[in-house]
């Protein structure tokens, strides 16, 4: 086997990646809304929390944030094969965190008649479209720019598997 041959990992389906992102988003949103008020403060605290969750925690937790741990996946550096370094993680998550922070503020302003806030979804859509258009690689724009991808891991809580099991058991009890 050649030393420069790429290491193959099992890629994670986009729906699972989305669920992990949602778990992290809800956790960081909850904290940022609890701590701050005002649009600028919410975005600032959200981005700091996002970087804490998706950079500092991932660096110390084998490539797993809270959402990725819950669904058995981790982020990997395509060149080295392991967890990306701090700089790569910060590049990867910085723009995404800012886009999600703006989305949070836009979502909160929807109730006040701020229909323009729907436009704040555009940066997230631009980031995710490459993953939808290329089902083979499934790399979002932030993955492509930093040469990373999300792969399955044997370490985690297996929340998706447990939920499926609970649903099957609940359906069996209903019948």
Foldseek 3Di string as FASTA:
>chain_A
DDPQDWDDFAADDPVLVVQLVVVLLVVLQVVLVVPDDDLVSSLVSQLVSQCCQQQVCCVVPFQDGQSCQAAAKGKAARRPGGHDHRVLSCQLRNQVSNLSSLLSVLVVCVVVVPPVSVCSCVVVCQQQVVLVVDVVQSHGNSCVVSRMGMGGHPHHNNNVVVVVVVVVVVVVVVD
